Amino acid sequence: MRCDQLAENIRRSGIGEPAGEIRDDGRGGQERVGSGNASLRAESAMARMLPFTAIIEREGDCYLALCPELDVASQGATVEEARQNLTEAVSLLLESADAAEIESRLHREVFVTRLEVGVG
């Protein structure tokens, strides 16, 4: 999937849109009301999987993980833990950030490739 398609899927899903207005609940707390469609779109989007790139490298005694499309990073003691932590970090960003922030962070062209360099 191309990044422009990814951005469009994120916009259509409602990720990053407010799920309603926060009001005083009359008991000293707050509640979110209204805009039920945004909540339903966000729940529907969570069921759908969106592809992202994970670059994981060892640094010292841990592994660093980066999602270059969204400029999100995490770490873990193992490759799998770093991958899981990055997945959670990306998911949290998509759940909590507004659409403008996601759009500003989204890198539309990310290339991961190998190089061969002559030495000597």
PDB file of N, CA and C in Angstrom:
ATOM      1  N   MET A   1       0.838  -1.169   0.000  1.00  0.00           N
ATOM      2  CA  MET A   1       0.000   0.000   0.000  1.00  0.00           C
ATOM      3  C   MET A   1       0.889   1.240   0.000  1.00  0.00           C
ATOM      4  N   ARG A   2       0.590   2.184  -0.883  1.00  0.00           N
ATOM      5  CA  ARG A   2       1.361   3.417  -0.950  1.00  0.00           C
ATOM      6  C   ARG A   2       0.992   4.321   0.211  1.00  0.00           C
ATOM      7  N   CYS A   3       1.926   5.226   0.578  1.00  0.00           N
ATOM      8  CA  CYS A   3       1.718   6.108   1.731  1.00  0.00           C
ATOM      9  C   CYS A   3       0.529   7.040   1.523  1.00  0.00           C
ATOM     10  N   ASP A   4       0.289   7.506   0.270  1.00  0.00           N
ATOM     11  CA  ASP A   4      -0.862   8.382   0.067  1.00  0.00           C
ATOM     12  C   ASP A   4      -2.149   7.606   0.306  1.00  0.00           C
ATOM     13  N   GLN A   5      -2.160   6.306  -0.037  1.00  0.00           N
ATOM     14  CA  GLN A   5      -3.316   5.475   0.264  1.00  0.00           C
ATOM     15  C   GLN A   5      -3.438   5.276   1.766  1.00  0.00           C
ATOM     16  N   LEU A   6      -2.306   5.106   2.443  1.00  0.00           N
ATOM     17  CA  LEU A   6      -2.295   4.948   3.888  1.00  0.00           C
ATOM     18  C   LEU A   6      -2.878   6.193   4.547  1.00  0.00           C
ATOM     19  N   ALA A   7      -2.447   7.367   4.123  1.00  0.00           N
ATOM     20  CA  ALA A   7      -2.963   8.614   4.693  1.00  0.00           C
ATOM     21  C   ALA A   7      -4.464   8.721   4.479  1.00  0.00           C
ATOM     22  N   GLU A   8      -4.924   8.354   3.302  1.00  0.00           N
ATOM     23  CA  GLU A   8      -6.358   8.407   3.009  1.00  0.00           C
ATOM     24  C   GLU A   8      -7.126   7.412   3.874  1.00  0.00           C
ATOM     25  N   ASN A   9      -6.575   6.215   4.068  1.00  0.00           N
ATOM     26  CA  ASN A   9      -7.232   5.232   4.937  1.00  0.00           C
ATOM     27  C   ASN A   9      -7.311   5.734   6.369  1.00  0.00           C
ATOM     28  N   ILE A  10      -6.261   6.392   6.853  1.00  0.00           N
ATOM     29  CA  ILE A  10      -6.280   6.945   8.205  1.00  0.00           C
ATOM     30  C   ILE A  10      -7.349   8.033   8.299  1.00  0.00           C
ATOM     31  N   ARG A  11      -7.418   8.920   7.288  1.00  0.00           N
ATOM     32  CA  ARG A  11      -8.433   9.980   7.300  1.00  0.00           C
ATOM     33  C   ARG A  11      -9.841   9.389   7.283  1.00  0.00           C
ATOM     34  N   ARG A  12     -10.093   8.402   6.429  1.00  0.00           N
ATOM     35  CA  ARG A  12     -11.428   7.796   6.319  1.00  0.00           C
ATOM     36  C   ARG A  12     -11.838   7.068   7.590  1.00  0.00           C
ATOM     37  N   SER A  13     -10.874   6.504   8.285  1.00  0.00           N
ATOM     38  CA  SER A  13     -11.183   5.699   9.459  1.00  0.00           C
ATOM     39  C   SER A  13     -11.668   6.536  10.625  1.00  0.00           C
ATOM     40  N   GLY A  14     -11.373   7.835  10.608  1.00  0.00           N
ATOM     41  CA  GLY A  14     -11.755   8.674  11.732  1.00  0.00           C
ATOM     42  C   GLY A  14     -10.712   8.685  12.825  1.00  0.00           C
ATOM     43  N   ILE A  15      -9.582   7.999  12.631  1.00  0.00           N
ATOM     44  CA  ILE A  15      -8.526   8.022  13.630  1.00  0.00           C
ATOM     45  C   ILE A  15      -8.028   9.448  13.755  1.00  0.00           C
ATOM     46  N   GLY A  16      -7.874   9.892  14.975  1.00  0.00           N
ATOM     47  CA  GLY A  16      -7.410  11.242  15.226  1.00  0.00           C
ATOM     48  C   GLY A  16      -8.517  12.267  15.313  1.00  0.00           C
ATOM     49  N   GLU A  17      -9.771  11.874  15.029  1.00  0.00           N
ATOM     50  CA  GLU A  17     -10.886  12.790  15.172  1.00  0.00           C
ATOM     51  C   GLU A  17     -11.443  12.683  16.579  1.00  0.00           C
ATOM     52  N   PRO A  18     -11.896  13.791  17.149  1.00  0.00           N
ATOM     53  CA  PRO A  18     -12.471  13.715  18.488  1.00  0.00           C
ATOM     54  C   PRO A  18     -13.721  12.860  18.473  1.00  0.00           C
ATOM     55  N   ALA A  19     -13.930  12.112  19.529  1.00  0.00           N
ATOM     56  CA  ALA A  19     -15.085  11.225  19.623  1.00  0.00           C
ATOM     57  C   ALA A  19     -16.247  11.922  20.299  1.00  0.00           C
ATOM     58  N   GLY A  20     -16.224  13.214  20.430  1.00  0.00           N
ATOM     59  CA  GLY A  20     -17.323  13.957  21.026  1.00  0.00           C
ATOM     60  C   GLY A  20     -16.802  15.054  21.935  1.00  0.00           C
ATOM     61  N   GLU A  21     -17.728  15.720  22.558  1.00  0.00           N
ATOM     62  CA  GLU A  21     -17.397  16.837  23.433  1.00  0.00           C
ATOM     63  C   GLU A  21     -17.287  16.344  24.868  1.00  0.00           C
ATOM     64  N   ILE A  22     -16.359  16.916  25.633  1.00  0.00           N
ATOM     65  CA  ILE A  22     -16.215  16.561  27.042  1.00  0.00           C
ATOM     66  C   ILE A  22     -17.004  17.572  27.853  1.00  0.00           C
ATOM     67  N   ARG A  23     -17.907  17.065  28.706  1.00  0.00           N
ATOM     68  CA  ARG A  23     -18.744  17.923  29.546  1.00  0.00           C
ATOM     69  C   ARG A  23     -18.677  17.461  30.994  1.00  0.00           C
ATOM     70  N   ASP A  24     -19.049  18.359  31.893  1.00  0.00           N
ATOM     71  CA  ASP A  24     -19.165  18.038  33.312  1.00  0.00           C
ATOM     72  C   ASP A  24     -20.306  17.037  33.469  1.00  0.00           C
ATOM     73  N   ASP A  25     -20.065  15.965  34.208  1.00  0.00           N
ATOM     74  CA  ASP A  25     -21.101  14.941  34.369  1.00  0.00           C
ATOM     75  C   ASP A  25     -22.055  15.224  35.519  1.00  0.00           C
ATOM     76  N   GLY A  26     -21.878  16.367  36.229  1.00  0.00           N
ATOM     77  CA  GLY A  26     -22.756  16.725  37.321  1.00  0.00           C
ATOM     78  C   GLY A  26     -22.402  16.045  38.633  1.00  0.00           C
ATOM     79  N   ARG A  27     -21.397  15.169  38.621  1.00  0.00           N
ATOM     80  CA  ARG A  27     -20.976  14.455  39.828  1.00  0.00           C
ATOM     81  C   ARG A  27     -19.523  14.778  40.161  1.00  0.00           C
ATOM     82  N   GLY A  28     -19.009  15.860  39.610  1.00  0.00           N
ATOM     83  CA  GLY A  28     -17.623  16.244  39.865  1.00  0.00           C
ATOM     84  C   GLY A  28     -16.642  15.640  38.887  1.00  0.00           C
ATOM     85  N   GLY A  29     -17.134  14.916  37.901  1.00  0.00           N
ATOM     86  CA  GLY A  29     -16.271  14.300  36.888  1.00  0.00           C
ATOM     87  C   GLY A  29     -16.592  14.841  35.510  1.00  0.00           C
ATOM     88  N   GLN A  30     -16.081  14.165  34.498  1.00  0.00           N
ATOM     89  CA  GLN A  30     -16.340  14.566  33.121  1.00  0.00           C
ATOM     90  C   GLN A  30     -16.783  13.358  32.325  1.00  0.00           C
ATOM     91  N   GLU A  31     -17.526  13.621  31.251  1.00  0.00           N
ATOM     92  CA  GLU A  31     -17.944  12.556  30.347  1.00  0.00           C
ATOM     93  C   GLU A  31     -17.858  13.053  28.915  1.00  0.00           C
ATOM     94  N   ARG A  32     -17.716  12.136  27.983  1.00  0.00           N
ATOM     95  CA  ARG A  32     -17.662  12.483  26.564  1.00  0.00           C
ATOM     96  C   ARG A  32     -19.049  12.235  25.985  1.00  0.00           C
ATOM     97  N   VAL A  33     -19.599  13.242  25.324  1.00  0.00           N
ATOM     98  CA  VAL A  33     -20.934  13.123  24.756  1.00  0.00           C
ATOM     99  C   VAL A  33     -20.915  13.556  23.303  1.00  0.00           C
ATOM    100  N   GLY A  34     -21.884  13.044  22.546  1.00  0.00           N
ATOM    101  CA  GLY A  34     -22.066  13.458  21.159  1.00  0.00           C
ATOM    102  C   GLY A  34     -21.086  12.802  20.214  1.00  0.00           C
ATOM    103  N   SER A  35     -21.259  13.077  18.929  1.00  0.00           N
ATOM    104  CA  SER A  35     -20.382  12.614  17.853  1.00  0.00           C
ATOM    105  C   SER A  35     -20.126  11.115  17.919  1.00  0.00           C
ATOM    106  N   GLY A  36     -21.197  10.352  18.072  1.00  0.00           N
ATOM    107  CA  GLY A  36     -21.077   8.899  18.149  1.00  0.00           C
ATOM    108  C   GLY A  36     -20.471   8.279  16.903  1.00  0.00           C
ATOM    109  N   ASN A  37     -20.648   8.906  15.745  1.00  0.00           N
ATOM    110  CA  ASN A  37     -20.091   8.344  14.515  1.00  0.00           C
ATOM    111  C   ASN A  37     -18.583   8.268  14.557  1.00  0.00           C
ATOM    112  N   ALA A  38     -17.929   9.283  15.129  1.00  0.00           N
ATOM    113  CA  ALA A  38     -16.467   9.259  15.221  1.00  0.00           C
ATOM    114  C   ALA A  38     -16.025   8.090  16.080  1.00  0.00           C
ATOM    115  N   SER A  39     -16.751   7.828  17.171  1.00  0.00           N
ATOM    116  CA  SER A  39     -16.406   6.693  18.028  1.00  0.00           C
ATOM    117  C   SER A  39     -16.553   5.386  17.265  1.00  0.00           C
ATOM    118  N   LEU A  40     -17.640   5.246  16.534  1.00  0.00           N
ATOM    119  CA  LEU A  40     -17.853   4.017  15.773  1.00  0.00           C
ATOM    120  C   LEU A  40     -16.800   3.848  14.692  1.00  0.00           C
ATOM    121  N   ARG A  41     -16.435   4.949  14.006  1.00  0.00           N
ATOM    122  CA  ARG A  41     -15.400   4.858  12.975  1.00  0.00           C
ATOM    123  C   ARG A  41     -14.075   4.452  13.601  1.00  0.00           C
ATOM    124  N   ALA A  42     -13.737   5.017  14.768  1.00  0.00           N
ATOM    125  CA  ALA A  42     -12.477   4.679  15.423  1.00  0.00           C
ATOM    126  C   ALA A  42     -12.478   3.215  15.847  1.00  0.00           C
ATOM    127  N   GLU A  43     -13.607   2.718  16.398  1.00  0.00           N
ATOM    128  CA  GLU A  43     -13.674   1.309  16.782  1.00  0.00           C
ATOM    129  C   GLU A  43     -13.541   0.428  15.555  1.00  0.00           C
ATOM    130  N   SER A  44     -14.190   0.805  14.461  1.00  0.00           N
ATOM    131  CA  SER A  44     -14.099   0.040  13.223  1.00  0.00           C
ATOM    132  C   SER A  44     -12.674   0.047  12.691  1.00  0.00           C
ATOM    133  N   ALA A  45     -11.997   1.193  12.795  1.00  0.00           N
ATOM    134  CA  ALA A  45     -10.631   1.301  12.295  1.00  0.00           C
ATOM    135  C   ALA A  45      -9.683   0.432  13.106  1.00  0.00           C
ATOM    136  N   MET A  46      -9.949   0.279  14.409  1.00  0.00           N
ATOM    137  CA  MET A  46      -9.058  -0.524  15.232  1.00  0.00           C
ATOM    138  C   MET A  46      -9.106  -1.988  14.821  1.00  0.00           C
ATOM    139  N   ALA A  47     -10.214  -2.417  14.253  1.00  0.00           N
ATOM    140  CA  ALA A  47     -10.332  -3.802  13.816  1.00  0.00           C
ATOM    141  C   ALA A  47      -9.552  -4.028  12.520  1.00  0.00           C
ATOM    142  N   ARG A  48      -9.284  -2.957  11.775  1.00  0.00           N
ATOM    143  CA  ARG A  48      -8.572  -3.056  10.499  1.00  0.00           C
ATOM    144  C   ARG A  48      -7.087  -2.860  10.735  1.00  0.00           C
ATOM    145  N   MET A  49      -6.268  -3.605  10.039  1.00  0.00           N
ATOM    146  CA  MET A  49      -4.822  -3.503  10.188  1.00  0.00           C
ATOM    147  C   MET A  49      -4.268  -2.580   9.093  1.00  0.00           C
ATOM    148  N   LEU A  50      -3.407  -1.637   9.483  1.00  0.00           N
ATOM    149  CA  LEU A  50      -2.732  -0.754   8.545  1.00  0.00           C
ATOM    150  C   LEU A  50      -1.247  -1.102   8.540  1.00  0.00           C
ATOM    151  N   PRO A  51      -0.626  -1.178   7.368  1.00  0.00           N
ATOM    152  CA  PRO A  51       0.794  -1.556   7.301  1.00  0.00           C
ATOM    153  C   PRO A  51       1.723  -0.374   7.554  1.00  0.00           C
ATOM    154  N   PHE A  52       2.765  -0.613   8.341  1.00  0.00           N
ATOM    155  CA  PHE A  52       3.814   0.365   8.591  1.00  0.00           C
ATOM    156  C   PHE A  52       5.156  -0.353   8.537  1.00  0.00           C
ATOM    157  N   THR A  53       6.232   0.405   8.400  1.00  0.00           N
ATOM    158  CA  THR A  53       7.584  -0.141   8.379  1.00  0.00           C
ATOM    159  C   THR A  53       8.176  -0.088   9.777  1.00  0.00           C
ATOM    160  N   ALA A  54       8.877  -1.137  10.176  1.00  0.00           N
ATOM    161  CA  ALA A  54       9.619  -1.142  11.438  1.00  0.00           C
ATOM    162  C   ALA A  54      11.085  -1.390  11.119  1.00  0.00           C
ATOM    163  N   ILE A  55      11.939  -0.497  11.580  1.00  0.00           N
ATOM    164  CA  ILE A  55      13.384  -0.672  11.450  1.00  0.00           C
ATOM    165  C   ILE A  55      13.908  -0.906  12.862  1.00  0.00           C
ATOM    166  N   ILE A  56      14.537  -2.048  13.064  1.00  0.00           N
ATOM    167  CA  ILE A  56      15.004  -2.422  14.401  1.00  0.00           C
ATOM    168  C   ILE A  56      16.507  -2.644  14.344  1.00  0.00           C
ATOM    169  N   GLU A  57      17.218  -2.019  15.272  1.00  0.00           N
ATOM    170  CA  GLU A  57      18.669  -2.185  15.330  1.00  0.00           C
ATOM    171  C   GLU A  57      19.115  -2.363  16.771  1.00  0.00           C
ATOM    172  N   ARG A  58      20.186  -3.113  16.918  1.00  0.00           N
ATOM    173  CA  ARG A  58      20.737  -3.342  18.250  1.00  0.00           C
ATOM    174  C   ARG A  58      21.600  -2.157  18.646  1.00  0.00           C
ATOM    175  N   GLU A  59      21.431  -1.712  19.883  1.00  0.00           N
ATOM    176  CA  GLU A  59      22.297  -0.676  20.432  1.00  0.00           C
ATOM    177  C   GLU A  59      22.612  -1.067  21.870  1.00  0.00           C
ATOM    178  N   GLY A  60      23.855  -1.473  22.085  1.00  0.00           N
ATOM    179  CA  GLY A  60      24.257  -1.942  23.409  1.00  0.00           C
ATOM    180  C   GLY A  60      23.529  -3.220  23.765  1.00  0.00           C
ATOM    181  N   ASP A  61      22.844  -3.198  24.903  1.00  0.00           N
ATOM    182  CA  ASP A  61      22.151  -4.402  25.349  1.00  0.00           C
ATOM    183  C   ASP A  61      20.650  -4.362  25.080  1.00  0.00           C
ATOM    184  N   CYS A  62      20.191  -3.436  24.210  1.00  0.00           N
ATOM    185  CA  CYS A  62      18.769  -3.405  23.867  1.00  0.00           C
ATOM    186  C   CYS A  62      18.609  -3.187  22.360  1.00  0.00           C
ATOM    187  N   TYR A  63      17.374  -3.217  21.910  1.00  0.00           N
ATOM    188  CA  TYR A  63      17.046  -3.020  20.503  1.00  0.00           C
ATOM    189  C   TYR A  63      16.183  -1.767  20.372  1.00  0.00           C
ATOM    190  N   LEU A  64      16.538  -0.917  19.418  1.00  0.00           N
ATOM    191  CA  LEU A  64      15.782   0.294  19.125  1.00  0.00           C
ATOM    192  C   LEU A  64      14.912   0.034  17.916  1.00  0.00           C
ATOM    193  N   ALA A  65      13.668   0.484  17.966  1.00  0.00           N
ATOM    194  CA  ALA A  65      12.723   0.271  16.872  1.00  0.00           C
ATOM    195  C   ALA A  65      12.184   1.617  16.409  1.00  0.00           C
ATOM    196  N   LEU A  66      12.087   1.798  15.101  1.00  0.00           N
ATOM    197  CA  LEU A  66      11.622   3.053  14.516  1.00  0.00           C
ATOM    198  C   LEU A  66      10.576   2.761  13.455  1.00  0.00           C
ATOM    199  N   CYS A  67       9.497   3.523  13.470  1.00  0.00           N
ATOM    200  CA  CYS A  67       8.507   3.523  12.391  1.00  0.00           C
ATOM    201  C   CYS A  67       8.737   4.814  11.612  1.00  0.00           C
ATOM    202  N   PRO A  68       9.427   4.740  10.465  1.00  0.00           N
ATOM    203  CA  PRO A  68       9.790   5.970   9.750  1.00  0.00           C
ATOM    204  C   PRO A  68       8.601   6.711   9.143  1.00  0.00           C
ATOM    205  N   GLU A  69       7.504   6.015   8.838  1.00  0.00           N
ATOM    206  CA  GLU A  69       6.346   6.699   8.251  1.00  0.00           C
ATOM    207  C   GLU A  69       5.759   7.733   9.210  1.00  0.00           C
ATOM    208  N   LEU A  70       5.790   7.438  10.510  1.00  0.00           N
ATOM    209  CA  LEU A  70       5.184   8.325  11.505  1.00  0.00           C
ATOM    210  C   LEU A  70       6.201   8.935  12.463  1.00  0.00           C
ATOM    211  N   ASP A  71       7.479   8.625  12.275  1.00  0.00           N
ATOM    212  CA  ASP A  71       8.547   9.131  13.135  1.00  0.00           C
ATOM    213  C   ASP A  71       8.270   8.805  14.602  1.00  0.00           C
ATOM    214  N   VAL A  72       7.971   7.515  14.839  1.00  0.00           N
ATOM    215  CA  VAL A  72       7.699   7.012  16.188  1.00  0.00           C
ATOM    216  C   VAL A  72       8.776   5.988  16.510  1.00  0.00           C
ATOM    217  N   ALA A  73       9.292   6.013  17.741  1.00  0.00           N
ATOM    218  CA  ALA A  73      10.342   5.083  18.142  1.00  0.00           C
ATOM    219  C   ALA A  73       9.991   4.430  19.466  1.00  0.00           C
ATOM    220  N   SER A  74      10.595   3.262  19.701  1.00  0.00           N
ATOM    221  CA  SER A  74      10.457   2.556  20.968  1.00  0.00           C
ATOM    222  C   SER A  74      11.689   1.677  21.133  1.00  0.00           C
ATOM    223  N   GLN A  75      11.699   0.848  22.168  1.00  0.00           N
ATOM    224  CA  GLN A  75      12.835  -0.042  22.397  1.00  0.00           C
ATOM    225  C   GLN A  75      12.367  -1.283  23.127  1.00  0.00           C
ATOM    226  N   GLY A  76      13.259  -2.268  23.228  1.00  0.00           N
ATOM    227  CA  GLY A  76      12.959  -3.485  23.966  1.00  0.00           C
ATOM    228  C   GLY A  76      14.223  -4.279  24.208  1.00  0.00           C
ATOM    229  N   ALA A  77      14.129  -5.250  25.101  1.00  0.00           N
ATOM    230  CA  ALA A  77      15.274  -6.093  25.427  1.00  0.00           C
ATOM    231  C   ALA A  77      15.568  -7.109  24.324  1.00  0.00           C
ATOM    232  N   THR A  78      14.548  -7.449  23.527  1.00  0.00           N
ATOM    233  CA  THR A  78      14.705  -8.379  22.408  1.00  0.00           C
ATOM    234  C   THR A  78      14.119  -7.731  21.157  1.00  0.00           C
ATOM    235  N   VAL A  79      14.389  -8.333  20.011  1.00  0.00           N
ATOM    236  CA  VAL A  79      13.814  -7.825  18.761  1.00  0.00           C
ATOM    237  C   VAL A  79      12.294  -7.858  18.838  1.00  0.00           C
ATOM    238  N   GLU A  80      11.744  -8.962  19.302  1.00  0.00           N
ATOM    239  CA  GLU A  80      10.279  -9.101  19.370  1.00  0.00           C
ATOM    240  C   GLU A  80       9.674  -8.100  20.345  1.00  0.00           C
ATOM    241  N   GLU A  81      10.321  -7.881  21.494  1.00  0.00           N
ATOM    242  CA  GLU A  81       9.806  -6.901  22.455  1.00  0.00           C
ATOM    243  C   GLU A  81       9.857  -5.497  21.874  1.00  0.00           C
ATOM    244  N   ALA A  82      10.935  -5.170  21.172  1.00  0.00           N
ATOM    245  CA  ALA A  82      11.034  -3.856  20.528  1.00  0.00           C
ATOM    246  C   ALA A  82       9.937  -3.692  19.486  1.00  0.00           C
ATOM    247  N   ARG A  83       9.669  -4.744  18.725  1.00  0.00           N
ATOM    248  CA  ARG A  83       8.608  -4.722  17.706  1.00  0.00           C
ATOM    249  C   ARG A  83       7.241  -4.526  18.351  1.00  0.00           C
ATOM    250  N   GLN A  84       6.967  -5.271  19.420  1.00  0.00           N
ATOM    251  CA  GLN A  84       5.684  -5.144  20.125  1.00  0.00           C
ATOM    252  C   GLN A  84       5.524  -3.755  20.727  1.00  0.00           C
ATOM    253  N   ASN A  85       6.588  -3.228  21.322  1.00  0.00           N
ATOM    254  CA  ASN A  85       6.528  -1.895  21.917  1.00  0.00           C
ATOM    255  C   ASN A  85       6.307  -0.823  20.858  1.00  0.00           C
ATOM    256  N   LEU A  86       6.923  -0.988  19.689  1.00  0.00           N
ATOM    257  CA  LEU A  86       6.723  -0.036  18.594  1.00  0.00           C
ATOM    258  C   LEU A  86       5.283  -0.115  18.087  1.00  0.00           C
ATOM    259  N   THR A  87       4.760  -1.318  17.963  1.00  0.00           N
ATOM    260  CA  THR A  87       3.369  -1.491  17.541  1.00  0.00           C
ATOM    261  C   THR A  87       2.433  -0.759  18.497  1.00  0.00           C
ATOM    262  N   GLU A  88       2.685  -0.897  19.786  1.00  0.00           N
ATOM    263  CA  GLU A  88       1.858  -0.220  20.789  1.00  0.00           C
ATOM    264  C   GLU A  88       2.009   1.300  20.684  1.00  0.00           C
ATOM    265  N   ALA A  89       3.236   1.781  20.489  1.00  0.00           N
ATOM    266  CA  ALA A  89       3.472   3.225  20.385  1.00  0.00           C
ATOM    267  C   ALA A  89       2.760   3.820  19.167  1.00  0.00           C
ATOM    268  N   VAL A  90       2.816   3.119  18.025  1.00  0.00           N
ATOM    269  CA  VAL A  90       2.128   3.588  16.810  1.00  0.00           C
ATOM    270  C   VAL A  90       0.622   3.590  17.046  1.00  0.00           C
ATOM    271  N   SER A  91       0.117   2.518  17.640  1.00  0.00           N
ATOM    272  CA  SER A  91      -1.311   2.416  17.928  1.00  0.00           C
ATOM    273  C   SER A  91      -1.774   3.545  18.841  1.00  0.00           C
ATOM    274  N   LEU A  92      -1.004   3.833  19.885  1.00  0.00           N
ATOM    275  CA  LEU A  92      -1.357   4.922  20.802  1.00  0.00           C
ATOM    276  C   LEU A  92      -1.354   6.273  20.100  1.00  0.00           C
ATOM    277  N   LEU A  93      -0.380   6.493  19.217  1.00  0.00           N
ATOM    278  CA  LEU A  93      -0.349   7.743  18.459  1.00  0.00           C
ATOM    279  C   LEU A  93      -1.607   7.871  17.613  1.00  0.00           C
ATOM    280  N   LEU A  94      -1.965   6.820  16.895  1.00  0.00           N
ATOM    281  CA  LEU A  94      -3.123   6.877  16.014  1.00  0.00           C
ATOM    282  C   LEU A  94      -4.423   7.041  16.792  1.00  0.00           C
ATOM    283  N   GLU A  95      -4.480   6.514  18.002  1.00  0.00           N
ATOM    284  CA  GLU A  95      -5.681   6.655  18.836  1.00  0.00           C
ATOM    285  C   GLU A  95      -5.793   8.042  19.447  1.00  0.00           C
ATOM    286  N   SER A  96      -4.661   8.658  19.808  1.00  0.00           N
ATOM    287  CA  SER A  96      -4.724   9.885  20.597  1.00  0.00           C
ATOM    288  C   SER A  96      -4.462  11.164  19.816  1.00  0.00           C
ATOM    289  N   ALA A  97      -3.727  11.107  18.739  1.00  0.00           N
ATOM    290  CA  ALA A  97      -3.379  12.325  17.991  1.00  0.00           C
ATOM    291  C   ALA A  97      -4.533  12.762  17.109  1.00  0.00           C
ATOM    292  N   ASP A  98      -4.634  14.069  16.905  1.00  0.00           N
ATOM    293  CA  ASP A  98      -5.657  14.542  15.977  1.00  0.00           C
ATOM    294  C   ASP A  98      -5.162  14.362  14.546  1.00  0.00           C
ATOM    295  N   ALA A  99      -6.084  14.486  13.604  1.00  0.00           N
ATOM    296  CA  ALA A  99      -5.760  14.236  12.198  1.00  0.00           C
ATOM    297  C   ALA A  99      -4.651  15.136  11.692  1.00  0.00           C
ATOM    298  N   ALA A 100      -4.606  16.394  12.148  1.00  0.00           N
ATOM    299  CA  ALA A 100      -3.565  17.329  11.692  1.00  0.00           C
ATOM    300  C   ALA A 100      -2.187  16.877  12.142  1.00  0.00           C
ATOM    301  N   GLU A 101      -2.067  16.378  13.389  1.00  0.00           N
ATOM    302  CA  GLU A 101      -0.770  15.900  13.860  1.00  0.00           C
ATOM    303  C   GLU A 101      -0.327  14.663  13.082  1.00  0.00           C
ATOM    304  N   ILE A 102      -1.250  13.742  12.847  1.00  0.00           N
ATOM    305  CA  ILE A 102      -0.906  12.534  12.086  1.00  0.00           C
ATOM    306  C   ILE A 102      -0.437  12.928  10.694  1.00  0.00           C
ATOM    307  N   GLU A 103      -1.159  13.840  10.063  1.00  0.00           N
ATOM    308  CA  GLU A 103      -0.788  14.294   8.716  1.00  0.00           C
ATOM    309  C   GLU A 103       0.586  14.947   8.718  1.00  0.00           C
ATOM    310  N   SER A 104       0.893  15.752   9.757  1.00  0.00           N
ATOM    311  CA  SER A 104       2.186  16.438   9.791  1.00  0.00           C
ATOM    312  C   SER A 104       3.336  15.458  10.040  1.00  0.00           C
ATOM    313  N   ARG A 105       3.083  14.356  10.733  1.00  0.00           N
ATOM    314  CA  ARG A 105       4.130  13.374  11.026  1.00  0.00           C
ATOM    315  C   ARG A 105       4.316  12.366   9.893  1.00  0.00           C
ATOM    316  N   LEU A 106       3.279  12.177   9.070  1.00  0.00           N
ATOM    317  CA  LEU A 106       3.291  11.123   8.056  1.00  0.00           C
ATOM    318  C   LEU A 106       4.288  11.432   6.944  1.00  0.00           C
ATOM    319  N   HIS A 107       5.271  10.566   6.790  1.00  0.00           N
ATOM    320  CA  HIS A 107       6.233  10.667   5.689  1.00  0.00           C
ATOM    321  C   HIS A 107       5.695   9.826   4.542  1.00  0.00           C
ATOM    322  N   ARG A 108       5.406  10.480   3.429  1.00  0.00           N
ATOM    323  CA  ARG A 108       4.734   9.798   2.318  1.00  0.00           C
ATOM    324  C   ARG A 108       5.662   8.890   1.517  1.00  0.00           C
ATOM    325  N   GLU A 109       6.949   9.169   1.515  1.00  0.00           N
ATOM    326  CA  GLU A 109       7.883   8.328   0.768  1.00  0.00           C
ATOM    327  C   GLU A 109       8.979   7.847   1.692  1.00  0.00           C
ATOM    328  N   VAL A 110       8.953   6.569   2.014  1.00  0.00           N
ATOM    329  CA  VAL A 110       9.966   5.950   2.853  1.00  0.00           C
ATOM    330  C   VAL A 110      10.576   4.809   2.054  1.00  0.00           C
ATOM    331  N   PHE A 111      11.888   4.826   1.920  1.00  0.00           N
ATOM    332  CA  PHE A 111      12.583   3.785   1.177  1.00  0.00           C
ATOM    333  C   PHE A 111      13.585   3.103   2.100  1.00  0.00           C
ATOM    334  N   VAL A 112      13.525   1.800   2.169  1.00  0.00           N
ATOM    335  CA  VAL A 112      14.493   1.011   2.929  1.00  0.00           C
ATOM    336  C   VAL A 112      15.180   0.114   1.924  1.00  0.00           C
ATOM    337  N   THR A 113      16.495   0.240   1.812  1.00  0.00           N
ATOM    338  CA  THR A 113      17.231  -0.530   0.821  1.00  0.00           C
ATOM    339  C   THR A 113      18.632  -0.859   1.353  1.00  0.00           C
ATOM    340  N   ARG A 114      19.316  -1.751   0.689  1.00  0.00           N
ATOM    341  CA  ARG A 114      20.703  -2.104   1.046  1.00  0.00           C
ATOM    342  C   ARG A 114      21.632  -1.397   0.087  1.00  0.00           C
ATOM    343  N   LEU A 115      22.821  -1.058   0.563  1.00  0.00           N
ATOM    344  CA  LEU A 115      23.859  -0.429  -0.254  1.00  0.00           C
ATOM    345  C   LEU A 115      25.068  -1.330  -0.301  1.00  0.00           C
ATOM    346  N   GLU A 116      25.766  -1.298  -1.420  1.00  0.00           N
ATOM    347  CA  GLU A 116      27.080  -1.940  -1.518  1.00  0.00           C
ATOM    348  C   GLU A 116      28.097  -0.848  -1.776  1.00  0.00           C
ATOM    349  N   VAL A 117      29.069  -0.747  -0.896  1.00  0.00           N
ATOM    350  CA  VAL A 117      30.047   0.332  -0.973  1.00  0.00           C
ATOM    351  C   VAL A 117      31.442  -0.292  -1.089  1.00  0.00           C
ATOM    352  N   GLY A 118      32.176   0.143  -2.099  1.00  0.00           N
ATOM    353  CA  GLY A 118      33.556  -0.328  -2.257  1.00  0.00           C
ATOM    354  C   GLY A 118      34.455   0.287  -1.209  1.00  0.00           C
ATOM    355  N   VAL A 119      35.298  -0.532  -0.605  1.00  0.00           N
ATOM    356  CA  VAL A 119      36.237  -0.053   0.421  1.00  0.00           C
ATOM    357  C   VAL A 119      37.639  -0.435  -0.024  1.00  0.00           C
ATOM    358  N   GLY A 120      38.548   0.522   0.048  1.00  0.00           N
ATOM    359  CA  GLY A 120      39.946   0.237  -0.227  1.00  0.00           C
ATOM    360  C   GLY A 120      40.363   0.521  -1.559  1.00  0.00           C
TER     361      GLY A 120
END
